[in-house]
């Protein structure tokens, strides 16, 4: 109850205080490229319930048909305005709406798309016991995720075989230590961009290995048209 109260107060305060910034970003997106201001995407929430996550649109409208499900550093689908938003994580601000509606928390594991979650069912069965969040200790460690993927010759495999397992371990390890104090420290660290990040060498990002998930399952679950991002 205390965590939910903090989420409500924090999301309302954030939306009110940052309303001029949110309006400015919306105008910049509309001027910068054709298309809507927001995009929505299906994610998994508490107990595996699906919900629509909100973000500021940072890519061209038909980005989902021009490449992979995720972006890497230098991705040509990212708009100039979107590149600035992603660099400073401003594209995530509309998720305060998801927090206010009760679908997300300010701090918690980042919500994953169902197609990726199905590749690691046992791990996600543990993670889905709590609400997903806007930020987390793992978010701080992987705030340079696009650069990590750009360092790999196979970004899809690098994400599924290296980055996802590392994130999930951080999420699961932190679950017994959740508290309001820990949440506040995480939010402060997020705002100040404090903390170490992983490097390609830390994760052996491009080291050949036996794939944990068969390529056929990745193509079926992750690269199928049904998994595409929905713009709204």
C-alpha atoms as a PDB file:
ATOM      1  CA  UNK A   1       0.000   0.000   0.000  1.00  0.00           C
ATOM      2  CA  UNK A   2       2.842   2.400   0.860  1.00  0.00           C
ATOM      3  CA  UNK A   3       4.556   1.702  -2.459  1.00  0.00           C
ATOM      4  CA  UNK A   4       1.317   2.294  -4.368  1.00  0.00           C
ATOM      5  CA  UNK A   5       0.754   5.564  -2.507  1.00  0.00           C
ATOM      6  CA  UNK A   6       4.263   6.696  -3.449  1.00  0.00           C
ATOM      7  CA  UNK A   7       3.603   5.704  -7.058  1.00  0.00           C
ATOM      8  CA  UNK A   8       0.388   7.743  -7.219  1.00  0.00           C
ATOM      9  CA  UNK A   9       1.904  10.811  -5.586  1.00  0.00           C
ATOM     10  CA  UNK A  10       5.118  10.540  -7.603  1.00  0.00           C
ATOM     11  CA  UNK A  11       3.380  10.116 -10.961  1.00  0.00           C
ATOM     12  CA  UNK A  12       0.955  12.998 -10.321  1.00  0.00           C
ATOM     13  CA  UNK A  13       3.798  15.249  -9.194  1.00  0.00           C
ATOM     14  CA  UNK A  14       5.892  14.262 -12.186  1.00  0.00           C
ATOM     15  CA  UNK A  15       3.105  14.878 -14.695  1.00  0.00           C
ATOM     16  CA  UNK A  16       2.254  18.264 -13.186  1.00  0.00           C
ATOM     17  CA  UNK A  17       5.806  19.551 -12.720  1.00  0.00           C
ATOM     18  CA  UNK A  18       6.999  18.321 -16.115  1.00  0.00           C
ATOM     19  CA  UNK A  19       3.862  19.279 -18.066  1.00  0.00           C
ATOM     20  CA  UNK A  20       5.665  22.163 -19.860  1.00  0.00           C
ATOM     21  CA  UNK A  21       8.483  19.791 -20.836  1.00  0.00           C
ATOM     22  CA  UNK A  22       6.016  17.133 -21.986  1.00  0.00           C
ATOM     23  CA  UNK A  23       4.213  19.696 -24.141  1.00  0.00           C
ATOM     24  CA  UNK A  24       7.514  20.917 -25.619  1.00  0.00           C
ATOM     25  CA  UNK A  25       8.556  17.364 -26.481  1.00  0.00           C
ATOM     26  CA  UNK A  26       5.183  16.688 -28.105  1.00  0.00           C
ATOM     27  CA  UNK A  27       5.525  19.784 -30.312  1.00  0.00           C
ATOM     28  CA  UNK A  28       9.114  18.862 -31.250  1.00  0.00           C
ATOM     29  CA  UNK A  29       8.054  15.351 -32.289  1.00  0.00           C
ATOM     30  CA  UNK A  30       5.221  16.646 -34.474  1.00  0.00           C
ATOM     31  CA  UNK A  31       7.496  19.201 -36.143  1.00  0.00           C
ATOM     32  CA  UNK A  32      10.426  16.810 -36.463  1.00  0.00           C
ATOM     33  CA  UNK A  33       8.740  13.993 -38.407  1.00  0.00           C
ATOM     34  CA  UNK A  34       5.298  12.959 -39.693  1.00  0.00           C
ATOM     35  CA  UNK A  35       3.236  10.814 -37.368  1.00  0.00           C
ATOM     36  CA  UNK A  36       1.721  10.700 -33.894  1.00  0.00           C
ATOM     37  CA  UNK A  37       3.390  11.895 -30.712  1.00  0.00           C
ATOM     38  CA  UNK A  38       3.004   8.623 -28.770  1.00  0.00           C
ATOM     39  CA  UNK A  39       3.378   4.974 -29.564  1.00  0.00           C
ATOM     40  CA  UNK A  40       1.928   2.064 -27.645  1.00  0.00           C
ATOM     41  CA  UNK A  41       3.238  -1.464 -27.317  1.00  0.00           C
ATOM     42  CA  UNK A  42       1.973  -4.626 -25.602  1.00  0.00           C
ATOM     43  CA  UNK A  43       3.989  -5.528 -22.508  1.00  0.00           C
ATOM     44  CA  UNK A  44       3.587  -8.004 -19.657  1.00  0.00           C
ATOM     45  CA  UNK A  45       2.576  -6.656 -16.268  1.00  0.00           C
ATOM     46  CA  UNK A  46       1.795  -8.056 -12.826  1.00  0.00           C
ATOM     47  CA  UNK A  47       0.785 -11.744 -12.935  1.00  0.00           C
ATOM     48  CA  UNK A  48       1.371 -11.789 -16.689  1.00  0.00           C
ATOM     49  CA  UNK A  49      -1.475  -9.419 -17.543  1.00  0.00           C
ATOM     50  CA  UNK A  50      -0.925  -7.551 -20.783  1.00  0.00           C
ATOM     51  CA  UNK A  51      -1.104  -3.784 -20.925  1.00  0.00           C
ATOM     52  CA  UNK A  52      -0.208  -1.015 -23.343  1.00  0.00           C
ATOM     53  CA  UNK A  53       2.942   0.886 -22.438  1.00  0.00           C
ATOM     54  CA  UNK A  54       3.236   4.535 -23.508  1.00  0.00           C
ATOM     55  CA  UNK A  55       6.341   6.235 -24.876  1.00  0.00           C
ATOM     56  CA  UNK A  56       7.121   9.306 -26.893  1.00  0.00           C
ATOM     57  CA  UNK A  57       7.616   8.245 -30.514  1.00  0.00           C
ATOM     58  CA  UNK A  58      11.324   8.309 -31.295  1.00  0.00           C
ATOM     59  CA  UNK A  59      11.325   6.481 -34.637  1.00  0.00           C
ATOM     60  CA  UNK A  60       9.759   6.884 -38.050  1.00  0.00           C
ATOM     61  CA  UNK A  61       6.156   5.709 -38.288  1.00  0.00           C
ATOM     62  CA  UNK A  62       6.869   2.529 -40.281  1.00  0.00           C
ATOM     63  CA  UNK A  63       9.970   1.604 -38.250  1.00  0.00           C
ATOM     64  CA  UNK A  64       8.553  -1.816 -37.352  1.00  0.00           C
ATOM     65  CA  UNK A  65       8.710  -2.842 -41.019  1.00  0.00           C
ATOM     66  CA  UNK A  66      12.231  -1.557 -41.595  1.00  0.00           C
ATOM     67  CA  UNK A  67      14.226  -3.603 -39.127  1.00  0.00           C
ATOM     68  CA  UNK A  68      14.516  -5.553 -35.898  1.00  0.00           C
ATOM     69  CA  UNK A  69      12.269  -5.427 -32.826  1.00  0.00           C
ATOM     70  CA  UNK A  70      14.812  -3.345 -30.933  1.00  0.00           C
ATOM     71  CA  UNK A  71      17.258  -0.604 -31.838  1.00  0.00           C
ATOM     72  CA  UNK A  72      21.031  -0.416 -31.842  1.00  0.00           C
ATOM     73  CA  UNK A  73      23.330   2.584 -31.759  1.00  0.00           C
ATOM     74  CA  UNK A  74      23.149   4.540 -35.010  1.00  0.00           C
ATOM     75  CA  UNK A  75      19.834   2.980 -36.079  1.00  0.00           C
ATOM     76  CA  UNK A  76      18.677   4.941 -39.151  1.00  0.00           C
ATOM     77  CA  UNK A  77      15.025   4.556 -38.115  1.00  0.00           C
ATOM     78  CA  UNK A  78      15.464   6.896 -35.154  1.00  0.00           C
ATOM     79  CA  UNK A  79      14.446  10.481 -35.870  1.00  0.00           C
ATOM     80  CA  UNK A  80      16.737  13.408 -34.922  1.00  0.00           C
ATOM     81  CA  UNK A  81      14.363  14.403 -32.120  1.00  0.00           C
ATOM     82  CA  UNK A  82      14.026  10.767 -31.104  1.00  0.00           C
ATOM     83  CA  UNK A  83      17.783  10.382 -30.849  1.00  0.00           C
ATOM     84  CA  UNK A  84      17.920  13.220 -28.306  1.00  0.00           C
ATOM     85  CA  UNK A  85      14.967  11.797 -26.366  1.00  0.00           C
ATOM     86  CA  UNK A  86      16.458   8.316 -26.205  1.00  0.00           C
ATOM     87  CA  UNK A  87      19.886   9.599 -25.187  1.00  0.00           C
ATOM     88  CA  UNK A  88      18.365  11.334 -22.166  1.00  0.00           C
ATOM     89  CA  UNK A  89      15.611   8.721 -21.585  1.00  0.00           C
ATOM     90  CA  UNK A  90      12.926  11.381 -22.072  1.00  0.00           C
ATOM     91  CA  UNK A  91      10.951   9.055 -24.342  1.00  0.00           C
ATOM     92  CA  UNK A  92      10.018   7.075 -21.210  1.00  0.00           C
ATOM     93  CA  UNK A  93       8.203   9.971 -19.464  1.00  0.00           C
ATOM     94  CA  UNK A  94       4.675   9.081 -20.705  1.00  0.00           C
ATOM     95  CA  UNK A  95       4.934   5.902 -18.637  1.00  0.00           C
ATOM     96  CA  UNK A  96       3.988   8.067 -15.671  1.00  0.00           C
ATOM     97  CA  UNK A  97       0.476   7.570 -17.067  1.00  0.00           C
ATOM     98  CA  UNK A  98       0.950   3.802 -16.776  1.00  0.00           C
ATOM     99  CA  UNK A  99       2.095   4.284 -13.175  1.00  0.00           C
ATOM    100  CA  UNK A 100      -0.894   6.460 -12.305  1.00  0.00           C
ATOM    101  CA  UNK A 101      -3.291   3.899 -13.805  1.00  0.00           C
ATOM    102  CA  UNK A 102      -1.726   1.124 -11.710  1.00  0.00           C
ATOM    103  CA  UNK A 103      -0.194  -0.879 -14.568  1.00  0.00           C
ATOM    104  CA  UNK A 104       3.367   0.026 -13.594  1.00  0.00           C
ATOM    105  CA  UNK A 105       5.376   1.264 -10.637  1.00  0.00           C
ATOM    106  CA  UNK A 106       8.021   3.964 -10.544  1.00  0.00           C
ATOM    107  CA  UNK A 107      10.643   1.321  -9.712  1.00  0.00           C
ATOM    108  CA  UNK A 108      10.515  -2.293 -10.849  1.00  0.00           C
ATOM    109  CA  UNK A 109      11.708  -4.654 -13.573  1.00  0.00           C
ATOM    110  CA  UNK A 110      11.298  -3.194 -17.027  1.00  0.00           C
ATOM    111  CA  UNK A 111       8.206  -4.726 -18.709  1.00  0.00           C
ATOM    112  CA  UNK A 112       9.083  -7.055 -21.565  1.00  0.00           C
ATOM    113  CA  UNK A 113       7.220  -7.820 -24.763  1.00  0.00           C
ATOM    114  CA  UNK A 114       5.409 -11.190 -24.558  1.00  0.00           C
ATOM    115  CA  UNK A 115       7.393 -12.704 -27.422  1.00  0.00           C
ATOM    116  CA  UNK A 116      10.697 -12.258 -25.613  1.00  0.00           C
ATOM    117  CA  UNK A 117       9.303 -13.302 -22.220  1.00  0.00           C
ATOM    118  CA  UNK A 118       8.112 -16.616 -23.641  1.00  0.00           C
ATOM    119  CA  UNK A 119      11.742 -17.534 -24.328  1.00  0.00           C
ATOM    120  CA  UNK A 120      12.491 -17.604 -20.565  1.00  0.00           C
ATOM    121  CA  UNK A 121       9.255 -18.803 -18.914  1.00  0.00           C
ATOM    122  CA  UNK A 122      10.671 -19.858 -15.525  1.00  0.00           C
ATOM    123  CA  UNK A 123      12.551 -16.596 -14.964  1.00  0.00           C
ATOM    124  CA  UNK A 124       9.586 -14.466 -15.959  1.00  0.00           C
ATOM    125  CA  UNK A 125       7.291 -16.495 -13.732  1.00  0.00           C
ATOM    126  CA  UNK A 126       9.307 -15.052 -10.829  1.00  0.00           C
ATOM    127  CA  UNK A 127       9.591 -11.515 -12.203  1.00  0.00           C
ATOM    128  CA  UNK A 128       5.884 -11.169 -12.928  1.00  0.00           C
ATOM    129  CA  UNK A 129       5.083 -11.469  -9.223  1.00  0.00           C
ATOM    130  CA  UNK A 130       5.697  -7.733  -8.912  1.00  0.00           C
ATOM    131  CA  UNK A 131       4.701  -4.744 -11.011  1.00  0.00           C
ATOM    132  CA  UNK A 132       7.069  -3.646 -13.746  1.00  0.00           C
ATOM    133  CA  UNK A 133       8.616  -0.215 -13.398  1.00  0.00           C
ATOM    134  CA  UNK A 134       9.964   2.790 -15.257  1.00  0.00           C
ATOM    135  CA  UNK A 135      13.427   2.366 -13.791  1.00  0.00           C
ATOM    136  CA  UNK A 136      15.466  -0.236 -11.899  1.00  0.00           C
ATOM    137  CA  UNK A 137      19.045  -0.984 -10.940  1.00  0.00           C
ATOM    138  CA  UNK A 138      19.268  -3.125 -14.075  1.00  0.00           C
ATOM    139  CA  UNK A 139      18.028  -0.151 -16.124  1.00  0.00           C
ATOM    140  CA  UNK A 140      20.968   1.872 -14.853  1.00  0.00           C
ATOM    141  CA  UNK A 141      23.449  -0.889 -15.643  1.00  0.00           C
ATOM    142  CA  UNK A 142      22.083  -1.208 -19.177  1.00  0.00           C
ATOM    143  CA  UNK A 143      21.325   2.419 -20.020  1.00  0.00           C
ATOM    144  CA  UNK A 144      23.879   2.028 -22.846  1.00  0.00           C
ATOM    145  CA  UNK A 145      22.067  -1.031 -24.227  1.00  0.00           C
ATOM    146  CA  UNK A 146      21.920   0.310 -27.790  1.00  0.00           C
ATOM    147  CA  UNK A 147      25.709   0.692 -27.839  1.00  0.00           C
ATOM    148  CA  UNK A 148      26.141  -2.826 -26.464  1.00  0.00           C
ATOM    149  CA  UNK A 149      23.982  -4.224 -29.252  1.00  0.00           C
ATOM    150  CA  UNK A 150      25.795  -2.152 -31.860  1.00  0.00           C
ATOM    151  CA  UNK A 151      29.042  -3.843 -30.798  1.00  0.00           C
ATOM    152  CA  UNK A 152      27.671  -7.252 -31.798  1.00  0.00           C
ATOM    153  CA  UNK A 153      27.554  -8.793 -35.253  1.00  0.00           C
ATOM    154  CA  UNK A 154      24.222 -10.410 -34.313  1.00  0.00           C
ATOM    155  CA  UNK A 155      22.251  -7.985 -32.102  1.00  0.00           C
ATOM    156  CA  UNK A 156      19.223 -10.293 -31.807  1.00  0.00           C
ATOM    157  CA  UNK A 157      21.267 -13.158 -30.404  1.00  0.00           C
ATOM    158  CA  UNK A 158      23.275 -10.779 -28.220  1.00  0.00           C
ATOM    159  CA  UNK A 159      20.105  -9.422 -26.663  1.00  0.00           C
ATOM    160  CA  UNK A 160      18.490 -12.817 -26.070  1.00  0.00           C
ATOM    161  CA  UNK A 161      21.586 -14.771 -25.033  1.00  0.00           C
ATOM    162  CA  UNK A 162      23.523 -12.129 -23.091  1.00  0.00           C
ATOM    163  CA  UNK A 163      21.591  -8.984 -22.160  1.00  0.00           C
ATOM    164  CA  UNK A 164      18.252 -10.565 -21.242  1.00  0.00           C
ATOM    165  CA  UNK A 165      19.758 -13.166 -18.855  1.00  0.00           C
ATOM    166  CA  UNK A 166      21.916 -10.519 -17.169  1.00  0.00           C
ATOM    167  CA  UNK A 167      18.921  -8.218 -16.691  1.00  0.00           C
ATOM    168  CA  UNK A 168      16.724 -11.022 -15.381  1.00  0.00           C
ATOM    169  CA  UNK A 169      19.346 -12.014 -12.821  1.00  0.00           C
ATOM    170  CA  UNK A 170      19.522  -8.431 -11.550  1.00  0.00           C
ATOM    171  CA  UNK A 171      15.727  -8.236 -11.380  1.00  0.00           C
ATOM    172  CA  UNK A 172      15.363 -11.517  -9.492  1.00  0.00           C
ATOM    173  CA  UNK A 173      18.266 -10.800  -7.114  1.00  0.00           C
ATOM    174  CA  UNK A 174      16.753  -7.441  -6.135  1.00  0.00           C
ATOM    175  CA  UNK A 175      13.262  -8.736  -5.345  1.00  0.00           C
ATOM    176  CA  UNK A 176      13.925  -9.676  -1.679  1.00  0.00           C
ATOM    177  CA  UNK A 177      15.435  -6.228  -1.041  1.00  0.00           C
ATOM    178  CA  UNK A 178      12.579  -4.044  -2.263  1.00  0.00           C
ATOM    179  CA  UNK A 179      11.725  -1.095  -0.035  1.00  0.00           C
ATOM    180  CA  UNK A 180      10.606   2.516  -0.359  1.00  0.00           C
ATOM    181  CA  UNK A 181      14.120   3.637   0.614  1.00  0.00           C
ATOM    182  CA  UNK A 182      15.659   1.474  -2.107  1.00  0.00           C
ATOM    183  CA  UNK A 183      13.143   2.858  -4.617  1.00  0.00           C
ATOM    184  CA  UNK A 184      14.022   6.452  -3.710  1.00  0.00           C
ATOM    185  CA  UNK A 185      17.746   5.757  -4.100  1.00  0.00           C
ATOM    186  CA  UNK A 186      17.096   4.152  -7.492  1.00  0.00           C
ATOM    187  CA  UNK A 187      15.051   7.139  -8.677  1.00  0.00           C
ATOM    188  CA  UNK A 188      17.772   9.554  -7.524  1.00  0.00           C
ATOM    189  CA  UNK A 189      20.445   7.499  -9.297  1.00  0.00           C
ATOM    190  CA  UNK A 190      18.307   7.477 -12.454  1.00  0.00           C
ATOM    191  CA  UNK A 191      17.861  11.257 -12.454  1.00  0.00           C
ATOM    192  CA  UNK A 192      21.575  11.830 -11.772  1.00  0.00           C
ATOM    193  CA  UNK A 193      22.581   9.115 -14.284  1.00  0.00           C
ATOM    194  CA  UNK A 194      24.698   7.604 -11.538  1.00  0.00           C
ATOM    195  CA  UNK A 195      26.264   4.154 -11.582  1.00  0.00           C
ATOM    196  CA  UNK A 196      28.481   1.911 -13.667  1.00  0.00           C
ATOM    197  CA  UNK A 197      27.339   0.448 -16.976  1.00  0.00           C
ATOM    198  CA  UNK A 198      28.236  -2.832 -18.603  1.00  0.00           C
ATOM    199  CA  UNK A 199      30.674  -2.919 -21.517  1.00  0.00           C
ATOM    200  CA  UNK A 200      30.743  -5.423 -24.414  1.00  0.00           C
ATOM    201  CA  UNK A 201      33.750  -7.040 -22.714  1.00  0.00           C
ATOM    202  CA  UNK A 202      31.869  -7.461 -19.435  1.00  0.00           C
ATOM    203  CA  UNK A 203      29.220  -9.548 -21.174  1.00  0.00           C
ATOM    204  CA  UNK A 204      31.460 -11.149 -23.825  1.00  0.00           C
ATOM    205  CA  UNK A 205      28.794  -9.675 -26.056  1.00  0.00           C
ATOM    206  CA  UNK A 206      29.988 -11.255 -29.303  1.00  0.00           C
ATOM    207  CA  UNK A 207      31.658 -14.432 -28.057  1.00  0.00           C
ATOM    208  CA  UNK A 208      30.462 -17.463 -30.066  1.00  0.00           C
ATOM    209  CA  UNK A 209      28.615 -19.975 -27.919  1.00  0.00           C
ATOM    210  CA  UNK A 210      25.932 -22.616 -28.091  1.00  0.00           C
ATOM    211  CA  UNK A 211      22.663 -20.717 -28.313  1.00  0.00           C
ATOM    212  CA  UNK A 212      20.413 -21.187 -25.317  1.00  0.00           C
ATOM    213  CA  UNK A 213      17.316 -20.489 -27.418  1.00  0.00           C
ATOM    214  CA  UNK A 214      17.042 -22.210 -30.842  1.00  0.00           C
ATOM    215  CA  UNK A 215      17.060 -19.824 -33.792  1.00  0.00           C
ATOM    216  CA  UNK A 216      13.781 -21.306 -35.025  1.00  0.00           C
ATOM    217  CA  UNK A 217      12.020 -20.208 -31.808  1.00  0.00           C
ATOM    218  CA  UNK A 218      13.458 -16.715 -32.094  1.00  0.00           C
ATOM    219  CA  UNK A 219      12.209 -16.409 -35.661  1.00  0.00           C
ATOM    220  CA  UNK A 220       8.804 -17.749 -34.683  1.00  0.00           C
ATOM    221  CA  UNK A 221       8.294 -15.779 -31.457  1.00  0.00           C
ATOM    222  CA  UNK A 222      10.325 -12.620 -31.858  1.00  0.00           C
ATOM    223  CA  UNK A 223      10.561 -11.798 -35.544  1.00  0.00           C
ATOM    224  CA  UNK A 224       6.968 -12.623 -36.485  1.00  0.00           C
ATOM    225  CA  UNK A 225       4.748  -9.785 -37.762  1.00  0.00           C
ATOM    226  CA  UNK A 226       2.464 -10.210 -34.757  1.00  0.00           C
ATOM    227  CA  UNK A 227       5.284  -9.042 -32.535  1.00  0.00           C
ATOM    228  CA  UNK A 228       5.594  -5.701 -34.289  1.00  0.00           C
ATOM    229  CA  UNK A 229       5.368  -2.416 -32.458  1.00  0.00           C
ATOM    230  CA  UNK A 230       2.038  -0.570 -32.714  1.00  0.00           C
ATOM    231  CA  UNK A 231       2.114   3.157 -33.296  1.00  0.00           C
ATOM    232  CA  UNK A 232      -0.766   5.210 -31.914  1.00  0.00           C
END
